Amino acid sequence: MVAWSQARKLCRVRLSIQPGYEFGYLVGATCSDGTVGKNYVSLVVNDEAFAAKYADSLTRVTGLSARLEAVTRPSGYLGRDVPGFRVRIVSSRASGSRPVGGLIPKGTA
């Protein structure tokens, strides 16, 4: 089994989740508006304050550095690009095959 595993994944530190208000906020926002990929967690919204609060919660809960960046995306309704804000972390420790990425510890969901 060890021969099939990548060496860097055997010795990495597991993600330590800090329970509390920020954790609930993070899970709720991720489930409603977020995206969990193979090695990233992302949220794109129109409101900068909401994105900043999500980034702060993500950093406090996981200890990983969340990036907040201005983005544009196409709007089919308006027929033009609209501005927004994206919060994203790229880490296989915060995503993967567990519920809501790696945000909910295995066995608790």
PDB file of N, CA and C in Angstrom:
ATOM      1  N   MET A   1       0.818  -1.189   0.000  1.00  0.00           N
ATOM      2  CA  MET A   1       0.000   0.000   0.000  1.00  0.00           C
ATOM      3  C   MET A   1       0.865   1.256   0.000  1.00  0.00           C
ATOM      4  N   VAL A   2       1.923   1.272   0.782  1.00  0.00           N
ATOM      5  CA  VAL A   2       2.799   2.435   0.861  1.00  0.00           C
ATOM      6  C   VAL A   2       3.498   2.667  -0.474  1.00  0.00           C
ATOM      7  N   ALA A   3       3.814   1.598  -1.197  1.00  0.00           N
ATOM      8  CA  ALA A   3       4.505   1.734  -2.476  1.00  0.00           C
ATOM      9  C   ALA A   3       3.662   2.483  -3.499  1.00  0.00           C
ATOM     10  N   TRP A   4       2.333   2.459  -3.367  1.00  0.00           N
ATOM     11  CA  TRP A   4       1.455   3.125  -4.320  1.00  0.00           C
ATOM     12  C   TRP A   4       1.158   4.567  -3.929  1.00  0.00           C
ATOM     13  N   SER A   5       1.525   4.971  -2.738  1.00  0.00           N
ATOM     14  CA  SER A   5       1.237   6.322  -2.262  1.00  0.00           C
ATOM     15  C   SER A   5       2.376   7.270  -2.619  1.00  0.00           C
ATOM     16  N   GLN A   6       2.013   8.520  -2.891  1.00  0.00           N
ATOM     17  CA  GLN A   6       3.043   9.518  -3.121  1.00  0.00           C
ATOM     18  C   GLN A   6       3.713   9.847  -1.796  1.00  0.00           C
ATOM     19  N   ALA A   7       5.025   9.914  -1.803  1.00  0.00           N
ATOM     20  CA  ALA A   7       5.781  10.103  -0.557  1.00  0.00           C
ATOM     21  C   ALA A   7       5.388  11.376   0.166  1.00  0.00           C
ATOM     22  N   ARG A   8       5.134  12.457  -0.547  1.00  0.00           N
ATOM     23  CA  ARG A   8       4.821  13.721   0.123  1.00  0.00           C
ATOM     24  C   ARG A   8       3.480  13.680   0.847  1.00  0.00           C
ATOM     25  N   LYS A   9       2.588  12.750   0.464  1.00  0.00           N
ATOM     26  CA  LYS A   9       1.293  12.650   1.130  1.00  0.00           C
ATOM     27  C   LYS A   9       1.354  11.813   2.397  1.00  0.00           C
ATOM     28  N   LEU A  10       2.408  11.052   2.588  1.00  0.00           N
ATOM     29  CA  LEU A  10       2.511  10.207   3.768  1.00  0.00           C
ATOM     30  C   LEU A  10       2.918  10.987   5.016  1.00  0.00           C
ATOM     31  N   CYS A  11       3.671  12.055   4.846  1.00  0.00           N
ATOM     32  CA  CYS A  11       4.197  12.774   6.004  1.00  0.00           C
ATOM     33  C   CYS A  11       3.571  14.147   6.213  1.00  0.00           C
ATOM     34  N   ARG A  12       2.547  14.498   5.461  1.00  0.00           N
ATOM     35  CA  ARG A  12       1.974  15.829   5.617  1.00  0.00           C
ATOM     36  C   ARG A  12       1.103  15.916   6.873  1.00  0.00           C
ATOM     37  N   VAL A  13       0.989  17.118   7.371  1.00  0.00           N
ATOM     38  CA  VAL A  13       0.185  17.372   8.565  1.00  0.00           C
ATOM     39  C   VAL A  13      -1.276  17.451   8.156  1.00  0.00           C
ATOM     40  N   ARG A  14      -2.132  16.779   8.903  1.00  0.00           N
ATOM     41  CA  ARG A  14      -3.556  16.785   8.604  1.00  0.00           C
ATOM     42  C   ARG A  14      -4.162  18.149   8.913  1.00  0.00           C
ATOM     43  N   LEU A  15      -5.211  18.479   8.195  1.00  0.00           N
ATOM     44  CA  LEU A  15      -5.919  19.724   8.399  1.00  0.00           C
ATOM     45  C   LEU A  15      -6.613  19.695   9.757  1.00  0.00           C
ATOM     46  N   SER A  16      -6.362  20.689  10.569  1.00  0.00           N
ATOM     47  CA  SER A  16      -6.964  20.773  11.902  1.00  0.00           C
ATOM     48  C   SER A  16      -8.085  21.804  11.859  1.00  0.00           C
ATOM     49  N   ILE A  17      -9.323  21.347  11.996  1.00  0.00           N
ATOM     50  CA  ILE A  17     -10.493  22.222  11.929  1.00  0.00           C
ATOM     51  C   ILE A  17     -10.765  22.803  13.306  1.00  0.00           C
ATOM     52  N   GLN A  18     -10.989  24.113  13.352  1.00  0.00           N
ATOM     53  CA  GLN A  18     -11.350  24.791  14.591  1.00  0.00           C
ATOM     54  C   GLN A  18     -12.869  24.981  14.610  1.00  0.00           C
ATOM     55  N   PRO A  19     -13.592  24.279  15.504  1.00  0.00           N
ATOM     56  CA  PRO A  19     -15.048  24.417  15.543  1.00  0.00           C
ATOM     57  C   PRO A  19     -15.460  25.781  16.082  1.00  0.00           C
ATOM     58  N   GLY A  20     -16.666  26.197  15.760  1.00  0.00           N
ATOM     59  CA  GLY A  20     -17.192  27.463  16.239  1.00  0.00           C
ATOM     60  C   GLY A  20     -18.029  28.142  15.176  1.00  0.00           C
ATOM     61  N   TYR A  21     -18.322  29.431  15.393  1.00  0.00           N
ATOM     62  CA  TYR A  21     -19.145  30.195  14.468  1.00  0.00           C
ATOM     63  C   TYR A  21     -18.552  30.227  13.065  1.00  0.00           C
ATOM     64  N   GLU A  22     -17.242  30.478  12.966  1.00  0.00           N
ATOM     65  CA  GLU A  22     -16.605  30.574  11.657  1.00  0.00           C
ATOM     66  C   GLU A  22     -16.727  29.275  10.868  1.00  0.00           C
ATOM     67  N   PHE A  23     -16.652  28.138  11.578  1.00  0.00           N
ATOM     68  CA  PHE A  23     -16.779  26.849  10.916  1.00  0.00           C
ATOM     69  C   PHE A  23     -18.172  26.690  10.315  1.00  0.00           C
ATOM     70  N   GLY A  24     -19.205  27.034  11.067  1.00  0.00           N
ATOM     71  CA  GLY A  24     -20.572  26.959  10.562  1.00  0.00           C
ATOM     72  C   GLY A  24     -20.796  27.885   9.382  1.00  0.00           C
ATOM     73  N   TYR A  25     -20.246  29.092   9.474  1.00  0.00           N
ATOM     74  CA  TYR A  25     -20.358  30.059   8.383  1.00  0.00           C
ATOM     75  C   TYR A  25     -19.681  29.516   7.133  1.00  0.00           C
ATOM     76  N   LEU A  26     -18.502  28.944   7.312  1.00  0.00           N
ATOM     77  CA  LEU A  26     -17.733  28.399   6.201  1.00  0.00           C
ATOM     78  C   LEU A  26     -18.472  27.251   5.515  1.00  0.00           C
ATOM     79  N   VAL A  27     -19.006  26.327   6.283  1.00  0.00           N
ATOM     80  CA  VAL A  27     -19.723  25.184   5.709  1.00  0.00           C
ATOM     81  C   VAL A  27     -20.989  25.653   4.999  1.00  0.00           C
ATOM     82  N   GLY A  28     -21.745  26.560   5.613  1.00  0.00           N
ATOM     83  CA  GLY A  28     -22.969  27.060   4.995  1.00  0.00           C
ATOM     84  C   GLY A  28     -22.703  27.779   3.687  1.00  0.00           C
ATOM     85  N   ALA A  29     -21.714  28.668   3.675  1.00  0.00           N
ATOM     86  CA  ALA A  29     -21.395  29.420   2.460  1.00  0.00           C
ATOM     87  C   ALA A  29     -20.843  28.508   1.376  1.00  0.00           C
ATOM     88  N   THR A  30     -20.020  27.536   1.756  1.00  0.00           N
ATOM     89  CA  THR A  30     -19.454  26.605   0.779  1.00  0.00           C
ATOM     90  C   THR A  30     -20.543  25.735   0.168  1.00  0.00           C
ATOM     91  N   CYS A  31     -21.469  25.259   0.991  1.00  0.00           N
ATOM     92  CA  CYS A  31     -22.554  24.407   0.473  1.00  0.00           C
ATOM     93  C   CYS A  31     -23.532  25.182  -0.399  1.00  0.00           C
ATOM     94  N   SER A  32     -23.738  26.475  -0.110  1.00  0.00           N
ATOM     95  CA  SER A  32     -24.717  27.224  -0.887  1.00  0.00           C
ATOM     96  C   SER A  32     -24.125  27.853  -2.142  1.00  0.00           C
ATOM     97  N   ASP A  33     -22.929  28.424  -2.066  1.00  0.00           N
ATOM     98  CA  ASP A  33     -22.373  29.155  -3.202  1.00  0.00           C
ATOM     99  C   ASP A  33     -20.988  28.693  -3.635  1.00  0.00           C
ATOM    100  N   GLY A  34     -20.381  27.774  -2.924  1.00  0.00           N
ATOM    101  CA  GLY A  34     -18.997  27.406  -3.181  1.00  0.00           C
ATOM    102  C   GLY A  34     -18.828  26.270  -4.165  1.00  0.00           C
ATOM    103  N   THR A  35     -17.574  26.024  -4.498  1.00  0.00           N
ATOM    104  CA  THR A  35     -17.182  24.925  -5.372  1.00  0.00           C
ATOM    105  C   THR A  35     -16.037  24.185  -4.701  1.00  0.00           C
ATOM    106  N   VAL A  36     -16.143  22.867  -4.643  1.00  0.00           N
ATOM    107  CA  VAL A  36     -15.069  22.042  -4.092  1.00  0.00           C
ATOM    108  C   VAL A  36     -14.563  21.161  -5.216  1.00  0.00           C
ATOM    109  N   GLY A  37     -13.303  21.349  -5.596  1.00  0.00           N
ATOM    110  CA  GLY A  37     -12.694  20.561  -6.655  1.00  0.00           C
ATOM    111  C   GLY A  37     -11.743  19.537  -6.077  1.00  0.00           C
ATOM    112  N   LYS A  38     -10.983  18.913  -6.948  1.00  0.00           N
ATOM    113  CA  LYS A  38     -10.047  17.872  -6.522  1.00  0.00           C
ATOM    114  C   LYS A  38      -8.978  18.421  -5.584  1.00  0.00           C
ATOM    115  N   ASN A  39      -8.493  19.644  -5.843  1.00  0.00           N
ATOM    116  CA  ASN A  39      -7.456  20.199  -4.978  1.00  0.00           C
ATOM    117  C   ASN A  39      -7.690  21.674  -4.644  1.00  0.00           C
ATOM    118  N   TYR A  40      -8.951  22.110  -4.651  1.00  0.00           N
ATOM    119  CA  TYR A  40      -9.230  23.502  -4.305  1.00  0.00           C
ATOM    120  C   TYR A  40     -10.632  23.659  -3.722  1.00  0.00           C
ATOM    121  N   VAL A  41     -10.816  24.750  -2.987  1.00  0.00           N
ATOM    122  CA  VAL A  41     -12.125  25.194  -2.515  1.00  0.00           C
ATOM    123  C   VAL A  41     -12.253  26.637  -2.982  1.00  0.00           C
ATOM    124  N   SER A  42     -13.378  26.991  -3.615  1.00  0.00           N
ATOM    125  CA  SER A  42     -13.536  28.303  -4.215  1.00  0.00           C
ATOM    126  C   SER A  42     -14.946  28.827  -3.988  1.00  0.00           C
ATOM    127  N   LEU A  43     -15.055  30.161  -3.927  1.00  0.00           N
ATOM    128  CA  LEU A  43     -16.341  30.835  -3.811  1.00  0.00           C
ATOM    129  C   LEU A  43     -16.277  32.103  -4.645  1.00  0.00           C
ATOM    130  N   VAL A  44     -17.253  32.319  -5.535  1.00  0.00           N
ATOM    131  CA  VAL A  44     -17.318  33.535  -6.352  1.00  0.00           C
ATOM    132  C   VAL A  44     -18.657  34.209  -6.063  1.00  0.00           C
ATOM    133  N   VAL A  45     -18.590  35.467  -5.606  1.00  0.00           N
ATOM    134  CA  VAL A  45     -19.790  36.230  -5.256  1.00  0.00           C
ATOM    135  C   VAL A  45     -19.662  37.666  -5.759  1.00  0.00           C
ATOM    136  N   ASN A  46     -20.766  38.414  -5.709  1.00  0.00           N
ATOM    137  CA  ASN A  46     -20.762  39.811  -6.137  1.00  0.00           C
ATOM    138  C   ASN A  46     -20.333  40.765  -5.030  1.00  0.00           C
ATOM    139  N   ASP A  47     -20.570  40.412  -3.782  1.00  0.00           N
ATOM    140  CA  ASP A  47     -20.348  41.296  -2.646  1.00  0.00           C
ATOM    141  C   ASP A  47     -18.949  41.111  -2.060  1.00  0.00           C
ATOM    142  N   GLU A  48     -18.167  42.174  -2.061  1.00  0.00           N
ATOM    143  CA  GLU A  48     -16.798  42.089  -1.551  1.00  0.00           C
ATOM    144  C   GLU A  48     -16.761  41.818  -0.052  1.00  0.00           C
ATOM    145  N   ALA A  49     -17.691  42.400   0.710  1.00  0.00           N
ATOM    146  CA  ALA A  49     -17.724  42.176   2.161  1.00  0.00           C
ATOM    147  C   ALA A  49     -18.006  40.707   2.484  1.00  0.00           C
ATOM    148  N   PHE A  50     -18.924  40.095   1.736  1.00  0.00           N
ATOM    149  CA  PHE A  50     -19.226  38.681   1.926  1.00  0.00           C
ATOM    150  C   PHE A  50     -17.998  37.828   1.615  1.00  0.00           C
ATOM    151  N   ALA A  51     -17.319  38.147   0.519  1.00  0.00           N
ATOM    152  CA  ALA A  51     -16.119  37.405   0.135  1.00  0.00           C
ATOM    153  C   ALA A  51     -15.018  37.565   1.173  1.00  0.00           C
ATOM    154  N   ALA A  52     -14.857  38.773   1.714  1.00  0.00           N
ATOM    155  CA  ALA A  52     -13.834  39.014   2.729  1.00  0.00           C
ATOM    156  C   ALA A  52     -14.141  38.240   4.009  1.00  0.00           C
ATOM    157  N   LYS A  53     -15.412  38.193   4.406  1.00  0.00           N
ATOM    158  CA  LYS A  53     -15.804  37.438   5.608  1.00  0.00           C
ATOM    159  C   LYS A  53     -15.576  35.941   5.400  1.00  0.00           C
ATOM    160  N   TYR A  54     -15.886  35.448   4.202  1.00  0.00           N
ATOM    161  CA  TYR A  54     -15.655  34.042   3.876  1.00  0.00           C
ATOM    162  C   TYR A  54     -14.159  33.720   3.921  1.00  0.00           C
ATOM    163  N   ALA A  55     -13.334  34.600   3.348  1.00  0.00           N
ATOM    164  CA  ALA A  55     -11.883  34.393   3.350  1.00  0.00           C
ATOM    165  C   ALA A  55     -11.341  34.378   4.774  1.00  0.00           C
ATOM    166  N   ASP A  56     -11.835  35.289   5.609  1.00  0.00           N
ATOM    167  CA  ASP A  56     -11.401  35.340   7.000  1.00  0.00           C
ATOM    168  C   ASP A  56     -11.806  34.063   7.738  1.00  0.00           C
ATOM    169  N   SER A  57     -13.036  33.610   7.538  1.00  0.00           N
ATOM    170  CA  SER A  57     -13.501  32.377   8.177  1.00  0.00           C
ATOM    171  C   SER A  57     -12.697  31.172   7.701  1.00  0.00           C
ATOM    172  N   LEU A  58     -12.418  31.121   6.413  1.00  0.00           N
ATOM    173  CA  LEU A  58     -11.647  30.016   5.852  1.00  0.00           C
ATOM    174  C   LEU A  58     -10.244  29.954   6.448  1.00  0.00           C
ATOM    175  N   THR A  59      -9.623  31.108   6.598  1.00  0.00           N
ATOM    176  CA  THR A  59      -8.280  31.159   7.181  1.00  0.00           C
ATOM    177  C   THR A  59      -8.304  30.789   8.659  1.00  0.00           C
ATOM    178  N   ARG A  60      -9.276  31.299   9.405  1.00  0.00           N
ATOM    179  CA  ARG A  60      -9.359  30.997  10.846  1.00  0.00           C
ATOM    180  C   ARG A  60      -9.649  29.527  11.113  1.00  0.00           C
ATOM    181  N   VAL A  61     -10.536  28.937  10.321  1.00  0.00           N
ATOM    182  CA  VAL A  61     -10.938  27.546  10.550  1.00  0.00           C
ATOM    183  C   VAL A  61      -9.852  26.561  10.140  1.00  0.00           C
ATOM    184  N   THR A  62      -9.237  26.779   8.985  1.00  0.00           N
ATOM    185  CA  THR A  62      -8.297  25.797   8.449  1.00  0.00           C
ATOM    186  C   THR A  62      -6.838  26.131   8.702  1.00  0.00           C
ATOM    187  N   GLY A  63      -6.534  27.407   8.905  1.00  0.00           N
ATOM    188  CA  GLY A  63      -5.144  27.815   9.043  1.00  0.00           C
ATOM    189  C   GLY A  63      -4.446  27.987   7.702  1.00  0.00           C
ATOM    190  N   LEU A  64      -5.176  27.761   6.611  1.00  0.00           N
ATOM    191  CA  LEU A  64      -4.619  27.929   5.271  1.00  0.00           C
ATOM    192  C   LEU A  64      -4.886  29.352   4.791  1.00  0.00           C
ATOM    193  N   SER A  65      -3.999  29.887   3.993  1.00  0.00           N
ATOM    194  CA  SER A  65      -4.125  31.248   3.507  1.00  0.00           C
ATOM    195  C   SER A  65      -5.108  31.308   2.338  1.00  0.00           C
ATOM    196  N   ALA A  66      -6.200  32.054   2.519  1.00  0.00           N
ATOM    197  CA  ALA A  66      -7.203  32.217   1.468  1.00  0.00           C
ATOM    198  C   ALA A  66      -6.926  33.497   0.703  1.00  0.00           C
ATOM    199  N   ARG A  67      -7.016  33.431  -0.617  1.00  0.00           N
ATOM    200  CA  ARG A  67      -6.790  34.604  -1.462  1.00  0.00           C
ATOM    201  C   ARG A  67      -8.126  35.191  -1.881  1.00  0.00           C
ATOM    202  N   LEU A  68      -8.227  36.513  -1.784  1.00  0.00           N
ATOM    203  CA  LEU A  68      -9.398  37.241  -2.253  1.00  0.00           C
ATOM    204  C   LEU A  68      -8.969  38.030  -3.476  1.00  0.00           C
ATOM    205  N   GLU A  69      -9.645  37.821  -4.604  1.00  0.00           N
ATOM    206  CA  GLU A  69      -9.258  38.513  -5.826  1.00  0.00           C
ATOM    207  C   GLU A  69     -10.483  38.962  -6.604  1.00  0.00           C
ATOM    208  N   ALA A  70     -10.353  40.100  -7.285  1.00  0.00           N
ATOM    209  CA  ALA A  70     -11.420  40.604  -8.144  1.00  0.00           C
ATOM    210  C   ALA A  70     -11.409  39.820  -9.451  1.00  0.00           C
ATOM    211  N   VAL A  71     -12.588  39.411  -9.909  1.00  0.00           N
ATOM    212  CA  VAL A  71     -12.719  38.642 -11.148  1.00  0.00           C
ATOM    213  C   VAL A  71     -13.905  39.177 -11.949  1.00  0.00           C
ATOM    214  N   THR A  72     -13.986  38.790 -13.193  1.00  0.00           N
ATOM    215  CA  THR A  72     -15.178  39.030 -14.005  1.00  0.00           C
ATOM    216  C   THR A  72     -15.646  37.696 -14.545  1.00  0.00           C
ATOM    217  N   ARG A  73     -16.947  37.614 -14.771  1.00  0.00           N
ATOM    218  CA  ARG A  73     -17.515  36.382 -15.312  1.00  0.00           C
ATOM    219  C   ARG A  73     -18.680  36.743 -16.221  1.00  0.00           C
ATOM    220  N   PRO A  74     -18.964  35.920 -17.216  1.00  0.00           N
ATOM    221  CA  PRO A  74     -20.026  36.249 -18.166  1.00  0.00           C
ATOM    222  C   PRO A  74     -21.416  36.113 -17.537  1.00  0.00           C
ATOM    223  N   SER A  75     -22.305  37.001 -17.917  1.00  0.00           N
ATOM    224  CA  SER A  75     -23.703  36.940 -17.497  1.00  0.00           C
ATOM    225  C   SER A  75     -24.553  36.709 -18.738  1.00  0.00           C
ATOM    226  N   GLY A  76     -25.242  35.602 -18.776  1.00  0.00           N
ATOM    227  CA  GLY A  76     -26.121  35.315 -19.906  1.00  0.00           C
ATOM    228  C   GLY A  76     -27.317  36.244 -19.925  1.00  0.00           C
ATOM    229  N   TYR A  77     -27.779  36.657 -18.760  1.00  0.00           N
ATOM    230  CA  TYR A  77     -28.931  37.546 -18.673  1.00  0.00           C
ATOM    231  C   TYR A  77     -28.601  38.947 -19.171  1.00  0.00           C
ATOM    232  N   LEU A  78     -27.471  39.489 -18.721  1.00  0.00           N
ATOM    233  CA  LEU A  78     -27.091  40.848 -19.110  1.00  0.00           C
ATOM    234  C   LEU A  78     -26.371  40.896 -20.449  1.00  0.00           C
ATOM    235  N   GLY A  79     -25.813  39.780 -20.878  1.00  0.00           N
ATOM    236  CA  GLY A  79     -25.098  39.742 -22.142  1.00  0.00           C
ATOM    237  C   GLY A  79     -23.732  40.407 -22.088  1.00  0.00           C
ATOM    238  N   ARG A  80     -23.151  40.512 -20.907  1.00  0.00           N
ATOM    239  CA  ARG A  80     -21.828  41.117 -20.745  1.00  0.00           C
ATOM    240  C   ARG A  80     -21.151  40.508 -19.513  1.00  0.00           C
ATOM    241  N   ASP A  81     -19.877  40.823 -19.353  1.00  0.00           N
ATOM    242  CA  ASP A  81     -19.157  40.368 -18.167  1.00  0.00           C
ATOM    243  C   ASP A  81     -19.557  41.209 -16.962  1.00  0.00           C
ATOM    244  N   VAL A  82     -19.681  40.556 -15.814  1.00  0.00           N
ATOM    245  CA  VAL A  82     -20.015  41.262 -14.577  1.00  0.00           C
ATOM    246  C   VAL A  82     -18.873  41.080 -13.579  1.00  0.00           C
ATOM    247  N   PRO A  83     -18.617  42.085 -12.751  1.00  0.00           N
ATOM    248  CA  PRO A  83     -17.541  41.973 -11.765  1.00  0.00           C
ATOM    249  C   PRO A  83     -17.970  41.123 -10.570  1.00  0.00           C
ATOM    250  N   GLY A  84     -17.005  40.559  -9.919  1.00  0.00           N
ATOM    251  CA  GLY A  84     -17.255  39.773  -8.722  1.00  0.00           C
ATOM    252  C   GLY A  84     -15.963  39.575  -7.964  1.00  0.00           C
ATOM    253  N   PHE A  85     -16.039  38.776  -6.916  1.00  0.00           N
ATOM    254  CA  PHE A  85     -14.881  38.505  -6.076  1.00  0.00           C
ATOM    255  C   PHE A  85     -14.787  37.012  -5.833  1.00  0.00           C
ATOM    256  N   ARG A  86     -13.553  36.502  -5.927  1.00  0.00           N
ATOM    257  CA  ARG A  86     -13.320  35.071  -5.727  1.00  0.00           C
ATOM    258  C   ARG A  86     -12.399  34.869  -4.544  1.00  0.00           C
ATOM    259  N   VAL A  87     -12.775  33.906  -3.714  1.00  0.00           N
ATOM    260  CA  VAL A  87     -11.926  33.448  -2.615  1.00  0.00           C
ATOM    261  C   VAL A  87     -11.561  32.011  -2.955  1.00  0.00           C
ATOM    262  N   ARG A  88     -10.277  31.702  -2.867  1.00  0.00           N
ATOM    263  CA  ARG A  88      -9.850  30.355  -3.257  1.00  0.00           C
ATOM    264  C   ARG A  88      -8.645  29.926  -2.455  1.00  0.00           C
ATOM    265  N   ILE A  89      -8.644  28.650  -2.087  1.00  0.00           N
ATOM    266  CA  ILE A  89      -7.441  28.022  -1.567  1.00  0.00           C
ATOM    267  C   ILE A  89      -7.182  26.798  -2.433  1.00  0.00           C
ATOM    268  N   VAL A  90      -5.941  26.566  -2.716  1.00  0.00           N
ATOM    269  CA  VAL A  90      -5.540  25.393  -3.487  1.00  0.00           C
ATOM    270  C   VAL A  90      -4.718  24.526  -2.562  1.00  0.00           C
ATOM    271  N   SER A  91      -5.309  23.428  -2.143  1.00  0.00           N
ATOM    272  CA  SER A  91      -4.648  22.505  -1.226  1.00  0.00           C
ATOM    273  C   SER A  91      -5.424  21.202  -1.221  1.00  0.00           C
ATOM    274  N   SER A  92      -4.742  20.103  -1.401  1.00  0.00           N
ATOM    275  CA  SER A  92      -5.429  18.818  -1.362  1.00  0.00           C
ATOM    276  C   SER A  92      -5.885  18.483   0.052  1.00  0.00           C
ATOM    277  N   ARG A  93      -5.354  19.197   1.052  1.00  0.00           N
ATOM    278  CA  ARG A  93      -5.792  18.956   2.431  1.00  0.00           C
ATOM    279  C   ARG A  93      -7.190  19.514   2.684  1.00  0.00           C
ATOM    280  N   ALA A  94      -7.628  20.522   1.930  1.00  0.00           N
ATOM    281  CA  ALA A  94      -8.928  21.144   2.156  1.00  0.00           C
ATOM    282  C   ALA A  94      -9.974  20.705   1.144  1.00  0.00           C
ATOM    283  N   SER A  95      -9.659  19.770   0.305  1.00  0.00           N
ATOM    284  CA  SER A  95     -10.627  19.266  -0.658  1.00  0.00           C
ATOM    285  C   SER A  95     -10.470  17.762  -0.727  1.00  0.00           C
ATOM    286  N   GLY A  96     -11.126  17.147  -1.670  1.00  0.00           N
ATOM    287  CA  GLY A  96     -10.966  15.713  -1.830  1.00  0.00           C
ATOM    288  C   GLY A  96     -12.283  14.975  -1.771  1.00  0.00           C
ATOM    289  N   SER A  97     -12.235  13.729  -1.341  1.00  0.00           N
ATOM    290  CA  SER A  97     -13.412  12.875  -1.405  1.00  0.00           C
ATOM    291  C   SER A  97     -14.287  12.944  -0.170  1.00  0.00           C
ATOM    292  N   ARG A  98     -13.904  13.713   0.838  1.00  0.00           N
ATOM    293  CA  ARG A  98     -14.724  13.820   2.037  1.00  0.00           C
ATOM    294  C   ARG A  98     -15.860  14.803   1.823  1.00  0.00           C
ATOM    295  N   PRO A  99     -16.921  14.757   2.661  1.00  0.00           N
ATOM    296  CA  PRO A  99     -18.044  15.680   2.493  1.00  0.00           C
ATOM    297  C   PRO A  99     -17.590  17.131   2.569  1.00  0.00           C
ATOM    298  N   VAL A 100     -18.145  17.979   1.715  1.00  0.00           N
ATOM    299  CA  VAL A 100     -17.804  19.412   1.632  1.00  0.00           C
ATOM    300  C   VAL A 100     -16.301  19.555   1.534  1.00  0.00           C
ATOM    301  N   GLY A 101     -15.712  18.772   0.646  1.00  0.00           N
ATOM    302  CA  GLY A 101     -14.257  18.783   0.533  1.00  0.00           C
ATOM    303  C   GLY A 101     -13.669  18.193   1.796  1.00  0.00           C
ATOM    304  N   GLY A 102     -12.615  18.745   2.299  1.00  0.00           N
ATOM    305  CA  GLY A 102     -12.015  18.268   3.534  1.00  0.00           C
ATOM    306  C   GLY A 102     -12.466  19.067   4.736  1.00  0.00           C
ATOM    307  N   LEU A 103     -13.498  19.896   4.554  1.00  0.00           N
ATOM    308  CA  LEU A 103     -13.914  20.778   5.631  1.00  0.00           C
ATOM    309  C   LEU A 103     -14.644  20.045   6.756  1.00  0.00           C
ATOM    310  N   ILE A 104     -15.350  18.959   6.439  1.00  0.00           N
ATOM    311  CA  ILE A 104     -16.033  18.186   7.472  1.00  0.00           C
ATOM    312  C   ILE A 104     -15.212  16.921   7.698  1.00  0.00           C
ATOM    313  N   PRO A 105     -14.719  16.700   8.919  1.00  0.00           N
ATOM    314  CA  PRO A 105     -13.902  15.512   9.190  1.00  0.00           C
ATOM    315  C   PRO A 105     -14.613  14.220   8.848  1.00  0.00           C
ATOM    316  N   LYS A 106     -13.879  13.266   8.355  1.00  0.00           N
ATOM    317  CA  LYS A 106     -14.424  11.970   7.957  1.00  0.00           C
ATOM    318  C   LYS A 106     -15.101  11.293   9.153  1.00  0.00           C
ATOM    319  N   GLY A 107     -16.252  10.720   8.907  1.00  0.00           N
ATOM    320  CA  GLY A 107     -16.965  10.004   9.954  1.00  0.00           C
ATOM    321  C   GLY A 107     -17.949  10.861  10.730  1.00  0.00           C
ATOM    322  N   THR A 108     -17.964  12.181  10.501  1.00  0.00           N
ATOM    323  CA  THR A 108     -18.895  13.028  11.238  1.00  0.00           C
ATOM    324  C   THR A 108     -20.074  13.460  10.389  1.00  0.00           C
ATOM    325  N   ALA A 109     -20.024  13.190   9.089  1.00  0.00           N
ATOM    326  CA  ALA A 109     -21.134  13.617   8.217  1.00  0.00           C
ATOM    327  C   ALA A 109     -21.995  12.435   7.843  1.00  0.00           C
TER     328      ALA A 109
END
